[in-house]
Amino acid sequence: MTKCQGKKGEKMQTIENCKVGKDTIIRDYVNIYGCTIGKRCKIASFVEIGRGVTIGDDCKIEPFAFIPPGVTIGDKVFIGPHACFTNDKHPKATGKWKLTKTIVKEGASICAGAVIVCGVTIGRNATVGAGSVVTKNVPDNATVYGNPAKIRRTRK
């Protein structure tokens, strides 16, 4: 476990029970628990990655991204600043909850401030526009944006 101490011994960061690939850079002020991060990734400050999350090789995760348990991210994926994934379709403060998985495939880009509602798959080389709310699967090579996000174009 790696910890960063701030003034007066306050805890500033946690990297706990993680598998981290060679040449991966993890900046200060992160909370990363029980996840697997591939090789040559860049994890910016103020990122939280939950237990059981898998992140592939050559990914870039920008500041303030939130990636909870249940998310799987493929190789060469970009996650923009303030992107947020959910993992429960019916969250509540107390009682039982059901983890719903989300998959982001190779080469996808999720731009700043996007919200990814759990249970979707974001296809290979897909792009999710800034501020979008993804509620349905995104096909390979599609560009989606809006609230809810809709397909706006497709690359071949």
N, C-alpha and C. Protein backbone atom coordinates (compact mmCIF):
# COMPACT_ATOMS: atom_id res chain seq x y z
N MET A 1 0.85 -1.17 0.00
CA MET A 1 0.00 0.00 0.00
C MET A 1 0.89 1.24 0.00
N THR A 2 0.55 2.22 -0.84
CA THR A 2 1.28 3.47 -0.90
C THR A 2 0.40 4.56 -0.31
N LYS A 3 0.97 5.38 0.53
CA LYS A 3 0.22 6.48 1.12
C LYS A 3 1.04 7.75 0.98
N CYS A 4 0.37 8.85 0.76
CA CYS A 4 1.01 10.15 0.69
C CYS A 4 0.51 10.95 1.88
N GLN A 5 1.40 11.51 2.63
CA GLN A 5 1.01 12.26 3.82
C GLN A 5 1.05 13.76 3.56
N GLY A 6 0.02 14.44 3.97
CA GLY A 6 -0.04 15.89 3.85
C GLY A 6 0.41 16.54 5.14
N LYS A 7 0.03 17.78 5.35
CA LYS A 7 0.38 18.48 6.57
C LYS A 7 -0.21 17.76 7.78
N LYS A 8 0.53 17.77 8.86
CA LYS A 8 0.11 17.18 10.13
C LYS A 8 -0.25 15.70 9.98
N GLY A 9 0.35 15.00 9.01
CA GLY A 9 0.16 13.56 8.87
C GLY A 9 -1.16 13.14 8.24
N GLU A 10 -1.94 14.08 7.71
CA GLU A 10 -3.21 13.68 7.11
C GLU A 10 -2.97 12.85 5.85
N LYS A 11 -3.81 11.88 5.66
CA LYS A 11 -3.68 10.97 4.52
C LYS A 11 -4.17 11.68 3.26
N MET A 12 -3.34 11.63 2.20
CA MET A 12 -3.67 12.36 0.97
C MET A 12 -3.96 11.43 -0.21
N GLN A 13 -3.64 10.15 -0.09
CA GLN A 13 -3.75 9.24 -1.24
C GLN A 13 -3.75 7.81 -0.75
N THR A 14 -4.45 6.94 -1.49
CA THR A 14 -4.40 5.52 -1.19
C THR A 14 -4.27 4.73 -2.48
N ILE A 15 -3.29 3.88 -2.52
CA ILE A 15 -3.15 2.90 -3.59
C ILE A 15 -3.03 1.58 -2.85
N GLU A 16 -4.10 0.76 -2.91
CA GLU A 16 -4.19 -0.40 -2.04
C GLU A 16 -4.58 -1.65 -2.82
N ASN A 17 -3.78 -2.71 -2.68
CA ASN A 17 -4.06 -4.02 -3.27
C ASN A 17 -4.31 -3.95 -4.77
N CYS A 18 -3.47 -3.23 -5.49
CA CYS A 18 -3.62 -3.06 -6.93
C CYS A 18 -2.51 -3.78 -7.68
N LYS A 19 -2.83 -4.18 -8.89
CA LYS A 19 -1.82 -4.68 -9.81
C LYS A 19 -1.62 -3.58 -10.85
N VAL A 20 -0.41 -3.07 -10.95
CA VAL A 20 -0.12 -1.95 -11.84
C VAL A 20 0.98 -2.37 -12.80
N GLY A 21 0.71 -2.20 -14.10
CA GLY A 21 1.66 -2.61 -15.13
C GLY A 21 2.88 -1.72 -15.23
N LYS A 22 3.90 -2.24 -15.89
CA LYS A 22 5.17 -1.55 -16.08
C LYS A 22 4.97 -0.22 -16.82
N ASP A 23 5.73 0.77 -16.39
CA ASP A 23 5.76 2.11 -16.99
C ASP A 23 4.44 2.87 -16.87
N THR A 24 3.58 2.45 -15.97
CA THR A 24 2.35 3.20 -15.69
C THR A 24 2.68 4.31 -14.71
N ILE A 25 2.14 5.49 -14.96
CA ILE A 25 2.36 6.66 -14.10
C ILE A 25 1.06 6.94 -13.35
N ILE A 26 1.16 7.03 -12.03
CA ILE A 26 0.01 7.39 -11.20
C ILE A 26 0.38 8.65 -10.44
N ARG A 27 -0.33 9.71 -10.68
CA ARG A 27 -0.06 11.00 -10.03
C ARG A 27 -0.55 11.00 -8.59
N ASP A 28 -0.24 12.08 -7.87
CA ASP A 28 -0.64 12.22 -6.47
C ASP A 28 -2.14 12.42 -6.32
N TYR A 29 -2.60 12.21 -5.09
CA TYR A 29 -3.98 12.48 -4.68
C TYR A 29 -5.00 11.59 -5.38
N VAL A 30 -4.71 10.32 -5.46
CA VAL A 30 -5.65 9.36 -6.04
C VAL A 30 -6.14 8.41 -4.95
N ASN A 31 -7.27 7.77 -5.20
CA ASN A 31 -7.76 6.68 -4.36
C ASN A 31 -8.02 5.51 -5.30
N ILE A 32 -7.19 4.49 -5.17
CA ILE A 32 -7.24 3.36 -6.08
C ILE A 32 -7.22 2.09 -5.22
N TYR A 33 -8.27 1.27 -5.36
CA TYR A 33 -8.44 0.11 -4.49
C TYR A 33 -8.64 -1.17 -5.29
N GLY A 34 -7.85 -2.20 -5.05
CA GLY A 34 -8.12 -3.54 -5.54
C GLY A 34 -8.42 -3.66 -7.02
N CYS A 35 -7.75 -2.87 -7.84
CA CYS A 35 -8.00 -2.89 -9.28
C CYS A 35 -6.76 -3.37 -10.02
N THR A 36 -6.92 -3.55 -11.33
CA THR A 36 -5.81 -3.93 -12.19
C THR A 36 -5.66 -2.85 -13.25
N ILE A 37 -4.46 -2.30 -13.36
CA ILE A 37 -4.16 -1.25 -14.34
C ILE A 37 -3.03 -1.76 -15.22
N GLY A 38 -3.20 -1.67 -16.53
CA GLY A 38 -2.23 -2.21 -17.48
C GLY A 38 -0.95 -1.40 -17.59
N LYS A 39 -0.17 -1.73 -18.59
CA LYS A 39 1.13 -1.10 -18.85
C LYS A 39 0.96 0.25 -19.55
N ARG A 40 1.91 1.14 -19.27
CA ARG A 40 2.04 2.43 -19.95
C ARG A 40 0.78 3.30 -19.84
N CYS A 41 0.07 3.19 -18.75
CA CYS A 41 -1.11 4.04 -18.53
C CYS A 41 -0.69 5.32 -17.81
N LYS A 42 -1.54 6.32 -17.91
CA LYS A 42 -1.33 7.58 -17.20
C LYS A 42 -2.59 7.87 -16.40
N ILE A 43 -2.46 7.87 -15.08
CA ILE A 43 -3.57 8.12 -14.18
C ILE A 43 -3.32 9.48 -13.52
N ALA A 44 -4.17 10.44 -13.79
CA ALA A 44 -3.98 11.81 -13.29
C ALA A 44 -4.39 11.92 -11.82
N SER A 45 -4.12 13.08 -11.25
CA SER A 45 -4.50 13.37 -9.87
C SER A 45 -6.02 13.38 -9.70
N PHE A 46 -6.45 13.12 -8.49
CA PHE A 46 -7.86 13.21 -8.09
C PHE A 46 -8.75 12.20 -8.81
N VAL A 47 -8.20 11.05 -9.13
CA VAL A 47 -8.96 9.96 -9.76
C VAL A 47 -9.30 8.93 -8.70
N GLU A 48 -10.50 8.34 -8.80
CA GLU A 48 -10.87 7.23 -7.94
C GLU A 48 -11.20 6.03 -8.82
N ILE A 49 -10.57 4.90 -8.50
CA ILE A 49 -10.79 3.65 -9.22
C ILE A 49 -11.11 2.58 -8.18
N GLY A 50 -12.28 1.95 -8.33
CA GLY A 50 -12.77 1.01 -7.33
C GLY A 50 -12.29 -0.42 -7.48
N ARG A 51 -12.64 -1.21 -6.51
CA ARG A 51 -12.27 -2.63 -6.45
C ARG A 51 -12.80 -3.40 -7.65
N GLY A 52 -11.93 -4.26 -8.19
CA GLY A 52 -12.34 -5.12 -9.29
C GLY A 52 -12.33 -4.48 -10.66
N VAL A 53 -12.08 -3.18 -10.74
CA VAL A 53 -12.00 -2.51 -12.04
C VAL A 53 -10.75 -3.02 -12.77
N THR A 54 -10.90 -3.21 -14.08
CA THR A 54 -9.77 -3.59 -14.91
C THR A 54 -9.58 -2.52 -15.97
N ILE A 55 -8.36 -2.04 -16.09
CA ILE A 55 -8.00 -1.03 -17.09
C ILE A 55 -6.89 -1.63 -17.94
N GLY A 56 -7.05 -1.58 -19.26
CA GLY A 56 -6.09 -2.17 -20.19
C GLY A 56 -4.80 -1.36 -20.30
N ASP A 57 -4.01 -1.69 -21.30
CA ASP A 57 -2.73 -1.02 -21.55
C ASP A 57 -2.93 0.29 -22.30
N ASP A 58 -1.98 1.22 -22.13
CA ASP A 58 -1.91 2.47 -22.89
C ASP A 58 -3.15 3.35 -22.73
N CYS A 59 -3.74 3.35 -21.55
CA CYS A 59 -4.92 4.19 -21.28
C CYS A 59 -4.50 5.50 -20.62
N LYS A 60 -5.35 6.50 -20.78
CA LYS A 60 -5.12 7.80 -20.14
C LYS A 60 -6.39 8.18 -19.40
N ILE A 61 -6.27 8.37 -18.08
CA ILE A 61 -7.39 8.74 -17.22
C ILE A 61 -7.10 10.14 -16.68
N GLU A 62 -7.95 11.09 -17.03
CA GLU A 62 -7.73 12.49 -16.67
C GLU A 62 -8.26 12.80 -15.26
N PRO A 63 -7.92 13.99 -14.71
CA PRO A 63 -8.29 14.33 -13.34
C PRO A 63 -9.80 14.24 -13.06
N PHE A 64 -10.09 13.84 -11.84
CA PHE A 64 -11.43 13.78 -11.27
C PHE A 64 -12.33 12.72 -11.90
N ALA A 65 -11.77 11.79 -12.65
CA ALA A 65 -12.57 10.68 -13.17
C ALA A 65 -12.95 9.76 -12.02
N PHE A 66 -14.18 9.21 -12.10
CA PHE A 66 -14.67 8.26 -11.10
C PHE A 66 -15.03 6.96 -11.80
N ILE A 67 -14.33 5.89 -11.42
CA ILE A 67 -14.52 4.58 -12.05
C ILE A 67 -14.79 3.57 -10.94
N PRO A 68 -16.08 3.26 -10.70
CA PRO A 68 -16.43 2.38 -9.58
C PRO A 68 -16.33 0.90 -9.93
N PRO A 69 -16.49 0.02 -8.94
CA PRO A 69 -16.51 -1.41 -9.21
C PRO A 69 -17.52 -1.75 -10.31
N GLY A 70 -17.17 -2.76 -11.13
CA GLY A 70 -18.06 -3.19 -12.20
C GLY A 70 -17.69 -2.68 -13.57
N VAL A 71 -16.67 -1.82 -13.65
CA VAL A 71 -16.26 -1.24 -14.93
C VAL A 71 -15.03 -1.96 -15.46
N THR A 72 -15.07 -2.29 -16.74
CA THR A 72 -13.92 -2.88 -17.43
C THR A 72 -13.57 -1.97 -18.60
N ILE A 73 -12.30 -1.56 -18.67
CA ILE A 73 -11.84 -0.63 -19.69
C ILE A 73 -10.76 -1.33 -20.51
N GLY A 74 -10.92 -1.33 -21.84
CA GLY A 74 -9.98 -1.98 -22.74
C GLY A 74 -8.71 -1.17 -22.95
N ASP A 75 -7.89 -1.60 -23.88
CA ASP A 75 -6.63 -0.94 -24.21
C ASP A 75 -6.87 0.37 -24.95
N LYS A 76 -5.93 1.31 -24.79
CA LYS A 76 -5.89 2.57 -25.54
C LYS A 76 -7.17 3.40 -25.40
N VAL A 77 -7.73 3.42 -24.20
CA VAL A 77 -8.95 4.17 -23.92
C VAL A 77 -8.58 5.49 -23.25
N PHE A 78 -9.27 6.55 -23.65
CA PHE A 78 -9.12 7.87 -23.04
C PHE A 78 -10.37 8.14 -22.20
N ILE A 79 -10.15 8.51 -20.93
CA ILE A 79 -11.24 8.92 -20.04
C ILE A 79 -10.96 10.36 -19.65
N GLY A 80 -11.82 11.28 -20.07
CA GLY A 80 -11.61 12.71 -19.86
C GLY A 80 -11.86 13.14 -18.43
N PRO A 81 -11.49 14.40 -18.14
CA PRO A 81 -11.67 14.93 -16.79
C PRO A 81 -13.14 14.96 -16.39
N HIS A 82 -13.39 14.63 -15.15
CA HIS A 82 -14.72 14.63 -14.56
C HIS A 82 -15.67 13.60 -15.17
N ALA A 83 -15.17 12.65 -15.95
CA ALA A 83 -16.03 11.57 -16.44
C ALA A 83 -16.45 10.72 -15.25
N CYS A 84 -17.70 10.26 -15.27
CA CYS A 84 -18.24 9.53 -14.13
C CYS A 84 -19.01 8.31 -14.61
N PHE A 85 -18.66 7.15 -14.06
CA PHE A 85 -19.38 5.92 -14.32
C PHE A 85 -20.28 5.62 -13.13
N THR A 86 -21.42 4.99 -13.37
CA THR A 86 -22.26 4.51 -12.27
C THR A 86 -22.20 2.99 -12.27
N ASN A 87 -22.68 2.37 -11.18
CA ASN A 87 -22.67 0.92 -11.14
C ASN A 87 -23.91 0.31 -10.50
N ASP A 88 -24.94 1.10 -10.30
CA ASP A 88 -26.20 0.61 -9.73
C ASP A 88 -27.34 1.39 -10.38
N LYS A 89 -28.26 0.69 -11.02
CA LYS A 89 -29.37 1.37 -11.72
C LYS A 89 -30.38 1.99 -10.77
N HIS A 90 -30.46 1.49 -9.54
CA HIS A 90 -31.43 2.00 -8.57
C HIS A 90 -30.74 2.25 -7.23
N PRO A 91 -29.87 3.26 -7.18
CA PRO A 91 -29.09 3.48 -5.95
C PRO A 91 -29.95 4.00 -4.80
N LYS A 92 -29.56 3.59 -3.62
CA LYS A 92 -30.20 4.09 -2.40
C LYS A 92 -29.15 4.14 -1.30
N ALA A 93 -29.41 4.90 -0.28
CA ALA A 93 -28.43 5.11 0.78
C ALA A 93 -28.25 3.88 1.67
N THR A 94 -29.30 3.09 1.85
CA THR A 94 -29.21 1.92 2.71
C THR A 94 -29.82 0.71 2.01
N GLY A 95 -29.52 -0.45 2.55
CA GLY A 95 -30.10 -1.67 2.00
C GLY A 95 -29.24 -2.27 0.90
N LYS A 96 -29.77 -3.30 0.28
CA LYS A 96 -29.03 -4.01 -0.76
C LYS A 96 -29.01 -3.22 -2.05
N TRP A 97 -27.99 -3.49 -2.83
CA TRP A 97 -27.88 -2.89 -4.15
C TRP A 97 -27.32 -3.92 -5.10
N LYS A 98 -27.52 -3.70 -6.41
CA LYS A 98 -27.09 -4.67 -7.40
C LYS A 98 -26.04 -4.03 -8.31
N LEU A 99 -24.85 -4.62 -8.33
CA LEU A 99 -23.77 -4.16 -9.19
C LEU A 99 -24.12 -4.47 -10.65
N THR A 100 -24.09 -3.46 -11.48
CA THR A 100 -24.36 -3.62 -12.91
C THR A 100 -23.10 -3.25 -13.66
N LYS A 101 -22.62 -4.17 -14.49
CA LYS A 101 -21.33 -4.00 -15.16
C LYS A 101 -21.40 -3.10 -16.39
N THR A 102 -20.27 -2.46 -16.69
CA THR A 102 -20.11 -1.59 -17.85
C THR A 102 -18.80 -1.96 -18.52
N ILE A 103 -18.79 -1.94 -19.86
CA ILE A 103 -17.59 -2.28 -20.62
C ILE A 103 -17.26 -1.13 -21.57
N VAL A 104 -15.99 -0.74 -21.59
CA VAL A 104 -15.49 0.24 -22.55
C VAL A 104 -14.45 -0.48 -23.38
N LYS A 105 -14.69 -0.58 -24.68
CA LYS A 105 -13.81 -1.36 -25.55
C LYS A 105 -12.63 -0.54 -26.06
N GLU A 106 -11.68 -1.25 -26.64
CA GLU A 106 -10.41 -0.70 -27.12
C GLU A 106 -10.58 0.56 -27.98
N GLY A 107 -9.76 1.55 -27.67
CA GLY A 107 -9.68 2.76 -28.48
C GLY A 107 -10.79 3.76 -28.28
N ALA A 108 -11.71 3.51 -27.36
CA ALA A 108 -12.80 4.45 -27.11
C ALA A 108 -12.29 5.71 -26.42
N SER A 109 -13.00 6.82 -26.63
CA SER A 109 -12.70 8.09 -25.96
C SER A 109 -13.96 8.60 -25.29
N ILE A 110 -13.85 8.87 -24.00
CA ILE A 110 -14.96 9.42 -23.24
C ILE A 110 -14.53 10.81 -22.80
N CYS A 111 -15.18 11.81 -23.33
CA CYS A 111 -14.74 13.21 -23.13
C CYS A 111 -15.19 13.76 -21.78
N ALA A 112 -14.73 14.97 -21.49
CA ALA A 112 -14.91 15.62 -20.19
C ALA A 112 -16.37 15.66 -19.75
N GLY A 113 -16.58 15.33 -18.50
CA GLY A 113 -17.88 15.49 -17.88
C GLY A 113 -18.95 14.50 -18.33
N ALA A 114 -18.58 13.50 -19.09
CA ALA A 114 -19.58 12.52 -19.52
C ALA A 114 -19.99 11.65 -18.34
N VAL A 115 -21.25 11.23 -18.35
CA VAL A 115 -21.77 10.30 -17.35
C VAL A 115 -22.15 9.02 -18.09
N ILE A 116 -21.61 7.91 -17.62
CA ILE A 116 -21.89 6.62 -18.23
C ILE A 116 -22.76 5.83 -17.26
N VAL A 117 -24.04 5.67 -17.61
CA VAL A 117 -24.95 4.92 -16.77
C VAL A 117 -24.62 3.44 -16.92
N CYS A 118 -24.63 2.72 -15.82
CA CYS A 118 -24.17 1.33 -15.82
C CYS A 118 -25.01 0.44 -16.74
N GLY A 119 -24.37 -0.67 -17.13
CA GLY A 119 -25.05 -1.66 -17.94
C GLY A 119 -24.87 -1.48 -19.43
N VAL A 120 -24.03 -0.54 -19.84
CA VAL A 120 -23.82 -0.31 -21.27
C VAL A 120 -22.45 -0.81 -21.70
N THR A 121 -22.32 -0.96 -23.01
CA THR A 121 -21.04 -1.25 -23.63
C THR A 121 -20.73 -0.10 -24.58
N ILE A 122 -19.55 0.46 -24.45
CA ILE A 122 -19.09 1.50 -25.37
C ILE A 122 -18.12 0.81 -26.32
N GLY A 123 -18.45 0.84 -27.61
CA GLY A 123 -17.74 0.07 -28.62
C GLY A 123 -16.34 0.54 -28.93
N ARG A 124 -15.64 -0.28 -29.71
CA ARG A 124 -14.27 0.03 -30.15
C ARG A 124 -14.26 1.35 -30.91
N ASN A 125 -13.28 2.17 -30.59
CA ASN A 125 -13.04 3.45 -31.27
C ASN A 125 -14.23 4.39 -31.25
N ALA A 126 -15.16 4.18 -30.33
CA ALA A 126 -16.30 5.08 -30.18
C ALA A 126 -15.86 6.34 -29.45
N THR A 127 -16.60 7.43 -29.64
CA THR A 127 -16.35 8.68 -28.95
C THR A 127 -17.62 9.14 -28.26
N VAL A 128 -17.51 9.47 -26.98
CA VAL A 128 -18.61 10.03 -26.21
C VAL A 128 -18.29 11.49 -25.98
N GLY A 129 -19.13 12.38 -26.50
CA GLY A 129 -18.89 13.82 -26.41
C GLY A 129 -18.95 14.36 -24.99
N ALA A 130 -18.33 15.50 -24.80
CA ALA A 130 -18.28 16.16 -23.50
C ALA A 130 -19.67 16.42 -22.96
N GLY A 131 -19.87 16.14 -21.69
CA GLY A 131 -21.13 16.41 -21.01
C GLY A 131 -22.26 15.47 -21.36
N SER A 132 -22.00 14.45 -22.12
CA SER A 132 -23.06 13.53 -22.54
C SER A 132 -23.47 12.60 -21.40
N VAL A 133 -24.69 12.07 -21.50
CA VAL A 133 -25.18 11.06 -20.58
C VAL A 133 -25.51 9.82 -21.41
N VAL A 134 -24.68 8.79 -21.24
CA VAL A 134 -24.83 7.56 -22.02
C VAL A 134 -25.74 6.60 -21.26
N THR A 135 -26.89 6.27 -21.87
CA THR A 135 -27.87 5.39 -21.26
C THR A 135 -28.06 4.09 -22.04
N LYS A 136 -27.48 4.03 -23.25
CA LYS A 136 -27.62 2.85 -24.11
C LYS A 136 -26.26 2.49 -24.69
N ASN A 137 -26.14 1.28 -25.21
CA ASN A 137 -24.90 0.84 -25.83
C ASN A 137 -24.49 1.78 -26.95
N VAL A 138 -23.18 1.96 -27.10
CA VAL A 138 -22.62 2.78 -28.17
C VAL A 138 -21.90 1.83 -29.13
N PRO A 139 -22.29 1.80 -30.41
CA PRO A 139 -21.66 0.87 -31.35
C PRO A 139 -20.20 1.23 -31.62
N ASP A 140 -19.46 0.27 -32.16
CA ASP A 140 -18.09 0.52 -32.60
C ASP A 140 -18.07 1.71 -33.55
N ASN A 141 -17.05 2.54 -33.45
CA ASN A 141 -16.78 3.66 -34.36
C ASN A 141 -17.83 4.76 -34.36
N ALA A 142 -18.77 4.75 -33.43
CA ALA A 142 -19.81 5.78 -33.39
C ALA A 142 -19.35 6.97 -32.55
N THR A 143 -19.86 8.15 -32.89
CA THR A 143 -19.71 9.34 -32.07
C THR A 143 -21.08 9.67 -31.52
N VAL A 144 -21.17 9.76 -30.20
CA VAL A 144 -22.45 10.09 -29.56
C VAL A 144 -22.26 11.32 -28.69
N TYR A 145 -23.33 12.09 -28.57
CA TYR A 145 -23.34 13.18 -27.60
C TYR A 145 -24.76 13.60 -27.32
N GLY A 146 -24.91 14.36 -26.23
CA GLY A 146 -26.22 14.84 -25.81
C GLY A 146 -26.69 14.15 -24.55
N ASN A 147 -27.91 14.56 -24.13
CA ASN A 147 -28.53 13.99 -22.94
C ASN A 147 -30.00 13.68 -23.25
N PRO A 148 -30.29 12.40 -23.50
CA PRO A 148 -29.38 11.27 -23.54
C PRO A 148 -28.53 11.28 -24.80
N ALA A 149 -27.37 10.63 -24.72
CA ALA A 149 -26.46 10.58 -25.86
C ALA A 149 -27.11 9.84 -27.02
N LYS A 150 -26.97 10.40 -28.21
CA LYS A 150 -27.48 9.79 -29.45
C LYS A 150 -26.37 9.70 -30.46
N ILE A 151 -26.47 8.73 -31.37
CA ILE A 151 -25.47 8.59 -32.41
C ILE A 151 -25.58 9.78 -33.36
N ARG A 152 -24.46 10.47 -33.57
CA ARG A 152 -24.43 11.65 -34.43
C ARG A 152 -23.67 11.37 -35.72
N ARG A 153 -22.72 10.43 -35.67
CA ARG A 153 -21.99 10.00 -36.88
C ARG A 153 -21.29 8.69 -36.59
N THR A 154 -20.87 8.04 -37.67
CA THR A 154 -20.15 6.77 -37.56
C THR A 154 -18.96 6.81 -38.50
N ARG A 155 -17.80 6.41 -37.98
CA ARG A 155 -16.60 6.29 -38.81
C ARG A 155 -16.52 4.87 -39.35
N LYS A 156 -15.93 4.73 -40.52
CA LYS A 156 -15.76 3.38 -41.08
C LYS A 156 -14.34 2.95 -40.97
